[in-house]
PDB file of N, CA and C in Angstrom:
ATOM      1  N   MET A   1      18.421  35.322 -29.035  1.00  0.00           N
ATOM      2  CA  MET A   1      18.137  34.042 -29.323  1.00  0.00           C
ATOM      3  C   MET A   1      17.794  33.806 -27.894  1.00  0.00           C
ATOM      4  N   ASP A   2      16.101  33.341 -28.297  1.00  0.00           N
ATOM      5  CA  ASP A   2      14.996  32.818 -26.974  1.00  0.00           C
ATOM      6  C   ASP A   2      15.363  30.844 -27.221  1.00  0.00           C
ATOM      7  N   ILE A   3      15.879  30.757 -25.973  1.00  0.00           N
ATOM      8  CA  ILE A   3      15.491  29.124 -26.155  1.00  0.00           C
ATOM      9  C   ILE A   3      14.368  28.870 -24.760  1.00  0.00           C
ATOM     10  N   ARG A   4      13.460  28.207 -25.193  1.00  0.00           N
ATOM     11  CA  ARG A   4      12.873  27.860 -24.639  1.00  0.00           C
ATOM     12  C   ARG A   4      12.340  26.261 -24.287  1.00  0.00           C
ATOM     13  N   THR A   5      12.508  25.678 -22.969  1.00  0.00           N
ATOM     14  CA  THR A   5      12.526  23.865 -23.014  1.00  0.00           C
ATOM     15  C   THR A   5      11.290  23.965 -22.624  1.00  0.00           C
ATOM     16  N   VAL A   6      10.284  22.502 -22.954  1.00  0.00           N
ATOM     17  CA  VAL A   6       8.990  22.473 -22.965  1.00  0.00           C
ATOM     18  C   VAL A   6       9.719  21.089 -22.139  1.00  0.00           C
ATOM     19  N   SER A   7       8.905  20.817 -20.768  1.00  0.00           N
ATOM     20  CA  SER A   7       9.072  19.651 -20.332  1.00  0.00           C
ATOM     21  C   SER A   7       7.827  18.848 -20.270  1.00  0.00           C
ATOM     22  N   PRO A   8       8.486  17.408 -20.754  1.00  0.00           N
ATOM     23  CA  PRO A   8       8.251  16.115 -21.309  1.00  0.00           C
ATOM     24  C   PRO A   8       6.451  15.704 -20.026  1.00  0.00           C
ATOM     25  N   SER A   9       6.699  15.867 -19.042  1.00  0.00           N
ATOM     26  CA  SER A   9       5.403  15.536 -18.336  1.00  0.00           C
ATOM     27  C   SER A   9       4.096  16.419 -18.187  1.00  0.00           C
ATOM     28  N   SER A  10       3.849  17.496 -18.761  1.00  0.00           N
ATOM     29  CA  SER A  10       3.812  18.811 -19.138  1.00  0.00           C
ATOM     30  C   SER A  10       3.376  18.674 -20.017  1.00  0.00           C
ATOM     31  N   PRO A  11       1.418  19.107 -20.282  1.00  0.00           N
ATOM     32  CA  PRO A  11       1.345  19.105 -21.291  1.00  0.00           C
ATOM     33  C   PRO A  11       1.363  20.870 -21.970  1.00  0.00           C
ATOM     34  N   SER A  12       2.503  21.068 -22.923  1.00  0.00           N
ATOM     35  CA  SER A  12       2.202  22.328 -23.483  1.00  0.00           C
ATOM     36  C   SER A  12       1.051  23.020 -24.077  1.00  0.00           C
ATOM     37  N   SER A  13       1.150  24.050 -24.547  1.00  0.00           N
ATOM     38  CA  SER A  13      -0.544  24.722 -24.076  1.00  0.00           C
ATOM     39  C   SER A  13      -0.492  24.760 -25.726  1.00  0.00           C
ATOM     40  N   SER A  14       0.401  23.932 -26.469  1.00  0.00           N
ATOM     41  CA  SER A  14       0.060  24.162 -27.836  1.00  0.00           C
ATOM     42  C   SER A  14      -0.733  22.807 -28.277  1.00  0.00           C
ATOM     43  N   ALA A  15      -0.660  21.847 -27.499  1.00  0.00           N
ATOM     44  CA  ALA A  15      -0.994  20.784 -27.569  1.00  0.00           C
ATOM     45  C   ALA A  15      -2.394  20.597 -27.784  1.00  0.00           C
ATOM     46  N   GLY A  16      -3.146  19.932 -28.548  1.00  0.00           N
ATOM     47  CA  GLY A  16      -4.762  19.945 -28.959  1.00  0.00           C
ATOM     48  C   GLY A  16      -5.574  18.564 -27.378  1.00  0.00           C
ATOM     49  N   PRO A  17      -7.014  19.065 -27.744  1.00  0.00           N
ATOM     50  CA  PRO A  17      -6.922  18.487 -26.121  1.00  0.00           C
ATOM     51  C   PRO A  17      -7.031  17.216 -26.363  1.00  0.00           C
ATOM     52  N   LEU A  18      -7.037  16.173 -26.867  1.00  0.00           N
ATOM     53  CA  LEU A  18      -6.826  14.886 -27.344  1.00  0.00           C
ATOM     54  C   LEU A  18      -5.516  14.444 -26.180  1.00  0.00           C
ATOM     55  N   ARG A  19      -4.953  15.239 -25.908  1.00  0.00           N
ATOM     56  CA  ARG A  19      -3.317  15.426 -25.234  1.00  0.00           C
ATOM     57  C   ARG A  19      -3.032  15.488 -24.251  1.00  0.00           C
ATOM     58  N   ARG A  20      -3.934  16.590 -24.447  1.00  0.00           N
ATOM     59  CA  ARG A  20      -4.284  17.124 -22.915  1.00  0.00           C
ATOM     60  C   ARG A  20      -5.331  15.695 -22.308  1.00  0.00           C
ATOM     61  N   ALA A  21      -6.001  15.587 -22.253  1.00  0.00           N
ATOM     62  CA  ALA A  21      -6.851  14.614 -21.878  1.00  0.00           C
ATOM     63  C   ALA A  21      -6.588  13.297 -21.055  1.00  0.00           C
ATOM     64  N   ALA A  22      -5.547  13.278 -22.182  1.00  0.00           N
ATOM     65  CA  ALA A  22      -4.344  11.618 -22.659  1.00  0.00           C
ATOM     66  C   ALA A  22      -3.629  11.984 -20.869  1.00  0.00           C
ATOM     67  N   ALA A  23      -3.316  12.775 -20.836  1.00  0.00           N
ATOM     68  CA  ALA A  23      -2.162  13.251 -19.755  1.00  0.00           C
ATOM     69  C   ALA A  23      -2.790  13.590 -18.083  1.00  0.00           C
ATOM     70  N   THR A  24      -4.223  13.550 -18.755  1.00  0.00           N
ATOM     71  CA  THR A  24      -5.450  13.720 -17.167  1.00  0.00           C
ATOM     72  C   THR A  24      -5.246  12.330 -16.936  1.00  0.00           C
ATOM     73  N   ALA A  25      -5.734  11.244 -17.872  1.00  0.00           N
ATOM     74  CA  ALA A  25      -5.962  10.005 -17.947  1.00  0.00           C
ATOM     75  C   ALA A  25      -4.740   9.396 -17.218  1.00  0.00           C
ATOM     76  N   GLN A  26      -3.786   9.321 -17.608  1.00  0.00           N
ATOM     77  CA  GLN A  26      -2.297   8.766 -17.471  1.00  0.00           C
ATOM     78  C   GLN A  26      -2.535   9.007 -16.283  1.00  0.00           C
ATOM     79  N   ARG A  27      -2.131  10.816 -15.711  1.00  0.00           N
ATOM     80  CA  ARG A  27      -2.227  10.985 -14.454  1.00  0.00           C
ATOM     81  C   ARG A  27      -3.414  10.067 -13.405  1.00  0.00           C
ATOM     82  N   ASP A  28      -3.897  10.541 -13.699  1.00  0.00           N
ATOM     83  CA  ASP A  28      -5.383   9.548 -12.744  1.00  0.00           C
ATOM     84  C   ASP A  28      -4.817   8.205 -12.502  1.00  0.00           C
ATOM     85  N   ASN A  29      -4.644   7.428 -13.625  1.00  0.00           N
ATOM     86  CA  ASN A  29      -4.058   6.021 -13.475  1.00  0.00           C
ATOM     87  C   ASN A  29      -2.779   5.494 -12.862  1.00  0.00           C
ATOM     88  N   VAL A  30      -1.958   6.556 -13.032  1.00  0.00           N
ATOM     89  CA  VAL A  30      -1.257   6.445 -11.736  1.00  0.00           C
ATOM     90  C   VAL A  30      -1.727   6.527 -10.569  1.00  0.00           C
ATOM     91  N   GLU A  31      -2.598   7.598  -9.961  1.00  0.00           N
ATOM     92  CA  GLU A  31      -3.140   7.838  -8.538  1.00  0.00           C
ATOM     93  C   GLU A  31      -3.961   6.363  -7.938  1.00  0.00           C
ATOM     94  N   ASP A  32      -4.514   6.114  -9.319  1.00  0.00           N
ATOM     95  CA  ASP A  32      -5.286   4.982  -8.701  1.00  0.00           C
ATOM     96  C   ASP A  32      -4.079   3.700  -8.798  1.00  0.00           C
ATOM     97  N   GLU A  33      -3.458   3.634  -9.622  1.00  0.00           N
ATOM     98  CA  GLU A  33      -2.028   2.571  -9.091  1.00  0.00           C
ATOM     99  C   GLU A  33      -1.550   2.210  -7.950  1.00  0.00           C
ATOM    100  N   GLY A  34      -1.245   3.624  -8.031  1.00  0.00           N
ATOM    101  CA  GLY A  34      -0.504   4.509  -6.189  1.00  0.00           C
ATOM    102  C   GLY A  34      -0.857   3.818  -5.156  1.00  0.00           C
ATOM    103  N   PHE A  35      -2.369   3.766  -5.235  1.00  0.00           N
ATOM    104  CA  PHE A  35      -2.913   3.838  -3.705  1.00  0.00           C
ATOM    105  C   PHE A  35      -3.599   1.953  -4.275  1.00  0.00           C
ATOM    106  N   TYR A  36      -3.640   1.109  -4.932  1.00  0.00           N
ATOM    107  CA  TYR A  36      -3.720   0.264  -5.093  1.00  0.00           C
ATOM    108  C   TYR A  36      -2.831  -0.343  -4.923  1.00  0.00           C
ATOM    109  N   THR A  37      -1.037  -0.132  -5.678  1.00  0.00           N
ATOM    110  CA  THR A  37      -0.092  -1.069  -4.943  1.00  0.00           C
ATOM    111  C   THR A  37       0.637  -1.224  -3.301  1.00  0.00           C
ATOM    112  N   ALA A  38      -0.079   0.413  -3.242  1.00  0.00           N
ATOM    113  CA  ALA A  38       0.375   0.797  -1.447  1.00  0.00           C
ATOM    114  C   ALA A  38      -0.130  -0.954  -1.048  1.00  0.00           C
ATOM    115  N   PHE A  39      -1.441  -0.622  -0.765  1.00  0.00           N
ATOM    116  CA  PHE A  39      -1.895  -1.265   0.144  1.00  0.00           C
ATOM    117  C   PHE A  39      -1.573  -2.588  -0.392  1.00  0.00           C
ATOM    118  N   LYS A  40      -1.975  -2.559  -1.321  1.00  0.00           N
ATOM    119  CA  LYS A  40      -1.257  -4.219  -1.870  1.00  0.00           C
ATOM    120  C   LYS A  40      -0.101  -4.637  -0.921  1.00  0.00           C
ATOM    121  N   ASN A  41       0.991  -3.984  -1.041  1.00  0.00           N
ATOM    122  CA  ASN A  41       1.947  -3.352  -0.466  1.00  0.00           C
ATOM    123  C   ASN A  41       2.008  -4.358   1.117  1.00  0.00           C
ATOM    124  N   ALA A  42       1.287  -3.455   1.426  1.00  0.00           N
ATOM    125  CA  ALA A  42       1.569  -3.257   3.119  1.00  0.00           C
ATOM    126  C   ALA A  42       0.486  -4.531   3.724  1.00  0.00           C
ATOM    127  N   LEU A  43      -0.151  -4.476   2.381  1.00  0.00           N
ATOM    128  CA  LEU A  43      -0.935  -6.300   3.064  1.00  0.00           C
ATOM    129  C   LEU A  43       0.190  -7.258   2.593  1.00  0.00           C
ATOM    130  N   GLN A  44       0.941  -6.814   1.771  1.00  0.00           N
ATOM    131  CA  GLN A  44       2.141  -8.481   1.754  1.00  0.00           C
ATOM    132  C   GLN A  44       2.694  -8.917   2.847  1.00  0.00           C
ATOM    133  N   SER A  45       2.503  -7.573   3.736  1.00  0.00           N
ATOM    134  CA  SER A  45       4.154  -7.215   3.986  1.00  0.00           C
ATOM    135  C   SER A  45       3.545  -7.986   5.389  1.00  0.00           C
ATOM    136  N   VAL A  46       2.196  -7.916   6.204  1.00  0.00           N
ATOM    137  CA  VAL A  46       1.618  -7.978   6.945  1.00  0.00           C
ATOM    138  C   VAL A  46       1.749  -9.307   7.167  1.00  0.00           C
ATOM    139  N   SER A  47       1.353 -10.068   5.591  1.00  0.00           N
ATOM    140  CA  SER A  47       1.091 -11.544   5.250  1.00  0.00           C
ATOM    141  C   SER A  47       2.900 -12.135   6.129  1.00  0.00           C
ATOM    142  N   SER A  48       3.444 -11.327   5.329  1.00  0.00           N
ATOM    143  CA  SER A  48       5.194 -11.439   5.688  1.00  0.00           C
ATOM    144  C   SER A  48       5.053 -11.666   6.878  1.00  0.00           C
ATOM    145  N   ALA A  49       5.464 -10.992   7.649  1.00  0.00           N
ATOM    146  CA  ALA A  49       5.660 -10.536   8.861  1.00  0.00           C
ATOM    147  C   ALA A  49       5.065 -11.774   9.638  1.00  0.00           C
ATOM    148  N   GLN A  50       3.938 -11.884   9.132  1.00  0.00           N
ATOM    149  CA  GLN A  50       2.699 -13.384  10.106  1.00  0.00           C
ATOM    150  C   GLN A  50       3.616 -14.961   9.852  1.00  0.00           C
ATOM    151  N   ASN A  51       4.272 -14.877   8.798  1.00  0.00           N
ATOM    152  CA  ASN A  51       4.819 -16.195   8.596  1.00  0.00           C
ATOM    153  C   ASN A  51       6.195 -16.141   9.108  1.00  0.00           C
ATOM    154  N   HIS A  52       6.639 -14.718   8.548  1.00  0.00           N
ATOM    155  CA  HIS A  52       8.096 -15.347   9.430  1.00  0.00           C
ATOM    156  C   HIS A  52       8.019 -15.234  11.222  1.00  0.00           C
ATOM    157  N   SER A  53       7.235 -15.129  11.441  1.00  0.00           N
ATOM    158  CA  SER A  53       6.079 -15.547  13.322  1.00  0.00           C
ATOM    159  C   SER A  53       6.607 -16.454  13.467  1.00  0.00           C
ATOM    160  N   THR A  54       5.699 -17.144  12.277  1.00  0.00           N
ATOM    161  CA  THR A  54       5.352 -18.359  12.117  1.00  0.00           C
ATOM    162  C   THR A  54       6.445 -19.196  12.447  1.00  0.00           C
ATOM    163  N   ASN A  55       7.253 -19.655  11.367  1.00  0.00           N
ATOM    164  CA  ASN A  55       8.756 -20.091  11.320  1.00  0.00           C
ATOM    165  C   ASN A  55       9.292 -19.805  13.126  1.00  0.00           C
ATOM    166  N   LEU A  56       8.948 -18.381  13.692  1.00  0.00           N
ATOM    167  CA  LEU A  56      10.445 -18.776  14.118  1.00  0.00           C
ATOM    168  C   LEU A  56       9.162 -19.648  15.806  1.00  0.00           C
ATOM    169  N   GLN A  57       8.401 -19.450  15.217  1.00  0.00           N
ATOM    170  CA  GLN A  57       7.601 -20.732  16.615  1.00  0.00           C
ATOM    171  C   GLN A  57       7.875 -21.359  16.781  1.00  0.00           C
ATOM    172  N   ARG A  58       7.845 -21.728  14.945  1.00  0.00           N
ATOM    173  CA  ARG A  58       8.235 -23.230  14.731  1.00  0.00           C
ATOM    174  C   ARG A  58       9.933 -23.794  15.481  1.00  0.00           C
ATOM    175  N   GLU A  59      10.061 -23.392  15.390  1.00  0.00           N
ATOM    176  CA  GLU A  59      11.909 -23.450  15.399  1.00  0.00           C
ATOM    177  C   GLU A  59      12.093 -23.198  16.852  1.00  0.00           C
ATOM    178  N   VAL A  60      11.550 -22.162  18.012  1.00  0.00           N
ATOM    179  CA  VAL A  60      11.107 -22.210  18.997  1.00  0.00           C
ATOM    180  C   VAL A  60      10.989 -23.443  19.809  1.00  0.00           C
ATOM    181  N   GLN A  61       9.478 -23.545  19.493  1.00  0.00           N
ATOM    182  CA  GLN A  61       9.598 -25.839  19.297  1.00  0.00           C
ATOM    183  C   GLN A  61      10.173 -26.711  19.043  1.00  0.00           C
ATOM    184  N   LEU A  62      10.655 -26.677  17.788  1.00  0.00           N
ATOM    185  CA  LEU A  62      11.492 -27.410  17.419  1.00  0.00           C
ATOM    186  C   LEU A  62      12.659 -27.763  18.439  1.00  0.00           C
ATOM    187  N   GLU A  63      13.588 -26.515  19.378  1.00  0.00           N
ATOM    188  CA  GLU A  63      14.681 -26.224  20.310  1.00  0.00           C
ATOM    189  C   GLU A  63      15.532 -25.933  19.807  1.00  0.00           C
ATOM    190  N   ASN A  64      15.298 -24.945  18.231  1.00  0.00           N
ATOM    191  CA  ASN A  64      16.441 -24.558  17.332  1.00  0.00           C
ATOM    192  C   ASN A  64      17.279 -23.787  18.411  1.00  0.00           C
ATOM    193  N   PRO A  65      19.118 -23.544  18.068  1.00  0.00           N
ATOM    194  CA  PRO A  65      19.602 -22.765  19.355  1.00  0.00           C
ATOM    195  C   PRO A  65      19.841 -21.260  18.950  1.00  0.00           C
ATOM    196  N   ASN A  66      19.868 -22.043  17.309  1.00  0.00           N
ATOM    197  CA  ASN A  66      19.982 -20.344  17.168  1.00  0.00           C
ATOM    198  C   ASN A  66      18.985 -19.465  16.985  1.00  0.00           C
ATOM    199  N   VAL A  67      17.902 -19.683  17.164  1.00  0.00           N
ATOM    200  CA  VAL A  67      16.570 -19.123  17.219  1.00  0.00           C
ATOM    201  C   VAL A  67      16.089 -18.831  19.265  1.00  0.00           C
ATOM    202  N   SER A  68      15.674 -17.207  18.985  1.00  0.00           N
ATOM    203  CA  SER A  68      15.982 -17.099  20.547  1.00  0.00           C
ATOM    204  C   SER A  68      14.353 -16.639  21.118  1.00  0.00           C
ATOM    205  N   LEU A  69      14.246 -16.757  22.105  1.00  0.00           N
ATOM    206  CA  LEU A  69      12.285 -17.097  22.193  1.00  0.00           C
ATOM    207  C   LEU A  69      12.288 -15.495  21.725  1.00  0.00           C
ATOM    208  N   GLU A  70      13.310 -14.600  22.657  1.00  0.00           N
ATOM    209  CA  GLU A  70      13.499 -12.906  22.779  1.00  0.00           C
ATOM    210  C   GLU A  70      12.745 -12.294  21.588  1.00  0.00           C
ATOM    211  N   GLU A  71      13.718 -12.933  20.434  1.00  0.00           N
ATOM    212  CA  GLU A  71      13.508 -12.942  19.044  1.00  0.00           C
ATOM    213  C   GLU A  71      11.881 -12.973  18.516  1.00  0.00           C
ATOM    214  N   THR A  72      11.793 -14.213  18.740  1.00  0.00           N
ATOM    215  CA  THR A  72      10.462 -15.108  18.804  1.00  0.00           C
ATOM    216  C   THR A  72       8.905 -13.874  19.070  1.00  0.00           C
ATOM    217  N   MET A  73       9.561 -13.586  20.136  1.00  0.00           N
ATOM    218  CA  MET A  73       7.747 -12.127  21.054  1.00  0.00           C
ATOM    219  C   MET A  73       8.496 -11.628  19.958  1.00  0.00           C
ATOM    220  N   VAL A  74       9.318 -11.100  19.747  1.00  0.00           N
ATOM    221  CA  VAL A  74       9.204  -9.707  18.740  1.00  0.00           C
ATOM    222  C   VAL A  74       8.122  -9.742  18.000  1.00  0.00           C
ATOM    223  N   ALA A  75       8.350 -10.585  17.565  1.00  0.00           N
ATOM    224  CA  ALA A  75       8.581 -10.367  16.262  1.00  0.00           C
ATOM    225  C   ALA A  75       6.725 -11.443  15.712  1.00  0.00           C
ATOM    226  N   MET A  76       6.530 -11.580  16.786  1.00  0.00           N
ATOM    227  CA  MET A  76       5.354 -12.238  17.256  1.00  0.00           C
ATOM    228  C   MET A  76       3.924 -10.493  18.106  1.00  0.00           C
ATOM    229  N   GLN A  77       4.994 -10.037  18.150  1.00  0.00           N
ATOM    230  CA  GLN A  77       4.695  -8.367  18.588  1.00  0.00           C
ATOM    231  C   GLN A  77       3.950  -8.059  17.571  1.00  0.00           C
ATOM    232  N   LYS A  78       5.467  -7.885  16.471  1.00  0.00           N
ATOM    233  CA  LYS A  78       5.601  -7.020  15.363  1.00  0.00           C
ATOM    234  C   LYS A  78       3.959  -7.204  14.335  1.00  0.00           C
ATOM    235  N   ALA A  79       3.578  -8.064  13.892  1.00  0.00           N
ATOM    236  CA  ALA A  79       3.102  -9.101  13.253  1.00  0.00           C
ATOM    237  C   ALA A  79       1.692  -9.047  13.722  1.00  0.00           C
ATOM    238  N   GLN A  80       1.358  -9.018  15.332  1.00  0.00           N
ATOM    239  CA  GLN A  80      -0.244  -8.760  15.391  1.00  0.00           C
ATOM    240  C   GLN A  80      -0.838  -7.106  15.613  1.00  0.00           C
ATOM    241  N   ILE A  81       0.412  -6.276  15.497  1.00  0.00           N
ATOM    242  CA  ILE A  81       0.332  -4.774  15.537  1.00  0.00           C
ATOM    243  C   ILE A  81       0.094  -4.622  13.955  1.00  0.00           C
ATOM    244  N   ALA A  82       0.929  -5.377  13.154  1.00  0.00           N
ATOM    245  CA  ALA A  82       0.601  -4.936  11.926  1.00  0.00           C
ATOM    246  C   ALA A  82      -1.044  -5.581  11.449  1.00  0.00           C
ATOM    247  N   PHE A  83      -0.913  -6.358  11.775  1.00  0.00           N
ATOM    248  CA  PHE A  83      -2.228  -7.278  11.622  1.00  0.00           C
ATOM    249  C   PHE A  83      -3.536  -6.272  11.914  1.00  0.00           C
ATOM    250  N   GLN A  84      -2.897  -5.633  13.489  1.00  0.00           N
ATOM    251  CA  GLN A  84      -4.431  -4.506  14.051  1.00  0.00           C
ATOM    252  C   GLN A  84      -4.894  -3.138  13.009  1.00  0.00           C
ATOM    253  N   ALA A  85      -3.436  -3.013  12.595  1.00  0.00           N
ATOM    254  CA  ALA A  85      -3.554  -2.242  11.456  1.00  0.00           C
ATOM    255  C   ALA A  85      -4.500  -2.399  10.588  1.00  0.00           C
ATOM    256  N   SER A  86      -4.045  -2.766   9.695  1.00  0.00           N
ATOM    257  CA  SER A  86      -4.158  -3.565   8.746  1.00  0.00           C
ATOM    258  C   SER A  86      -6.022  -3.519   9.339  1.00  0.00           C
ATOM    259  N   LEU A  87      -6.525  -4.387   9.966  1.00  0.00           N
ATOM    260  CA  LEU A  87      -7.710  -4.384  10.556  1.00  0.00           C
ATOM    261  C   LEU A  87      -8.363  -3.023  10.367  1.00  0.00           C
ATOM    262  N   HIS A  88      -7.817  -2.302  11.261  1.00  0.00           N
ATOM    263  CA  HIS A  88      -8.637  -1.052  11.151  1.00  0.00           C
ATOM    264  C   HIS A  88      -8.471   0.358  10.175  1.00  0.00           C
ATOM    265  N   VAL A  89      -8.073   0.062   9.249  1.00  0.00           N
ATOM    266  CA  VAL A  89      -8.193   0.219   7.452  1.00  0.00           C
ATOM    267  C   VAL A  89      -8.807   0.028   7.278  1.00  0.00           C
ATOM    268  N   ARG A  90      -8.995  -1.657   6.673  1.00  0.00           N
ATOM    269  CA  ARG A  90     -10.541  -2.435   5.906  1.00  0.00           C
ATOM    270  C   ARG A  90     -11.845  -1.504   7.187  1.00  0.00           C
ATOM    271  N   ASN A  91     -11.770  -1.460   8.182  1.00  0.00           N
ATOM    272  CA  ASN A  91     -12.590  -1.026   8.849  1.00  0.00           C
ATOM    273  C   ASN A  91     -13.125   0.376   8.888  1.00  0.00           C
ATOM    274  N   ARG A  92     -12.326   1.071   8.442  1.00  0.00           N
ATOM    275  CA  ARG A  92     -12.237   2.344   8.104  1.00  0.00           C
ATOM    276  C   ARG A  92     -13.189   2.620   6.279  1.00  0.00           C
ATOM    277  N   MET A  93     -11.868   2.111   5.629  1.00  0.00           N
ATOM    278  CA  MET A  93     -12.662   1.196   4.303  1.00  0.00           C
ATOM    279  C   MET A  93     -14.362   1.010   4.194  1.00  0.00           C
ATOM    280  N   VAL A  94     -14.331   0.419   4.899  1.00  0.00           N
ATOM    281  CA  VAL A  94     -16.334  -0.302   5.350  1.00  0.00           C
ATOM    282  C   VAL A  94     -17.090   1.138   5.410  1.00  0.00           C
ATOM    283  N   GLN A  95     -16.263   1.708   6.752  1.00  0.00           N
ATOM    284  CA  GLN A  95     -17.323   3.135   7.138  1.00  0.00           C
ATOM    285  C   GLN A  95     -17.889   3.865   5.847  1.00  0.00           C
ATOM    286  N   ALA A  96     -16.596   3.564   5.252  1.00  0.00           N
ATOM    287  CA  ALA A  96     -16.329   5.246   4.373  1.00  0.00           C
ATOM    288  C   ALA A  96     -17.122   4.201   3.508  1.00  0.00           C
ATOM    289  N   TYR A  97     -16.908   2.915   2.340  1.00  0.00           N
ATOM    290  CA  TYR A  97     -18.226   2.711   1.690  1.00  0.00           C
ATOM    291  C   TYR A  97     -19.076   3.073   2.050  1.00  0.00           C
ATOM    292  N   THR A  98     -19.328   2.116   3.306  1.00  0.00           N
ATOM    293  CA  THR A  98     -20.967   2.277   3.812  1.00  0.00           C
ATOM    294  C   THR A  98     -21.652   4.087   3.430  1.00  0.00           C
ATOM    295  N   ASP A  99     -21.250   5.228   4.307  1.00  0.00           N
ATOM    296  CA  ASP A  99     -21.060   6.581   4.619  1.00  0.00           C
ATOM    297  C   ASP A  99     -21.637   7.163   3.141  1.00  0.00           C
ATOM    298  N   ILE A 100     -20.563   6.175   2.346  1.00  0.00           N
ATOM    299  CA  ILE A 100     -21.417   6.905   0.625  1.00  0.00           C
ATOM    300  C   ILE A 100     -22.477   6.086   0.355  1.00  0.00           C
ATOM    301  N   MET A 101     -22.492   4.866   0.567  1.00  0.00           N
ATOM    302  CA  MET A 101     -23.841   4.658  -0.513  1.00  0.00           C
ATOM    303  C   MET A 101     -25.103   5.417   0.495  1.00  0.00           C
ATOM    304  N   ASN A 102     -24.721   5.263   1.994  1.00  0.00           N
ATOM    305  CA  ASN A 102     -25.943   5.482   2.368  1.00  0.00           C
ATOM    306  C   ASN A 102     -26.634   7.705   2.244  1.00  0.00           C
ATOM    307  N   MET A 103     -25.436   7.868   1.582  1.00  0.00           N
ATOM    308  CA  MET A 103     -25.767   9.411   0.943  1.00  0.00           C
ATOM    309  C   MET A 103     -26.764   9.991   0.224  1.00  0.00           C
ATOM    310  N   GLN A 104     -27.786  10.936   0.252  1.00  0.00           N
ATOM    311  CA  GLN A 104     -29.083  10.354  -0.766  1.00  0.00           C
ATOM    312  C   GLN A 104     -28.156  11.770  -1.660  1.00  0.00           C
ATOM    313  N   VAL A 105     -28.833  11.168  -3.386  1.00  0.00           N
ATOM    314  CA  VAL A 105     -28.437  12.022  -3.891  1.00  0.00           C
ATOM    315  C   VAL A 105     -29.953  13.013  -4.715  1.00  0.00           C
TER     316      VAL A 105
END
């Protein structure tokens, strides 16, 4: 008795070209959404770090005894580093776009 299992994620050899094309398109969609989602999440985390830093600064200015100056300074540095990193990524993406647009066909 010969029992073979076929993975549902990979198209089988008996599948038609339409099925293979659909599987390839689905995989490409996942890759596109993966970068988009990762970049969107990164920008949201930078934004939340900046908001957290701003809130801590406000609490220190209002002399809230539960918020320390050290904690606020660390949050500010984290937000600044995250913003600088996102700025560098943006600059690299713009440079890559410019390089592609300047390519001769």
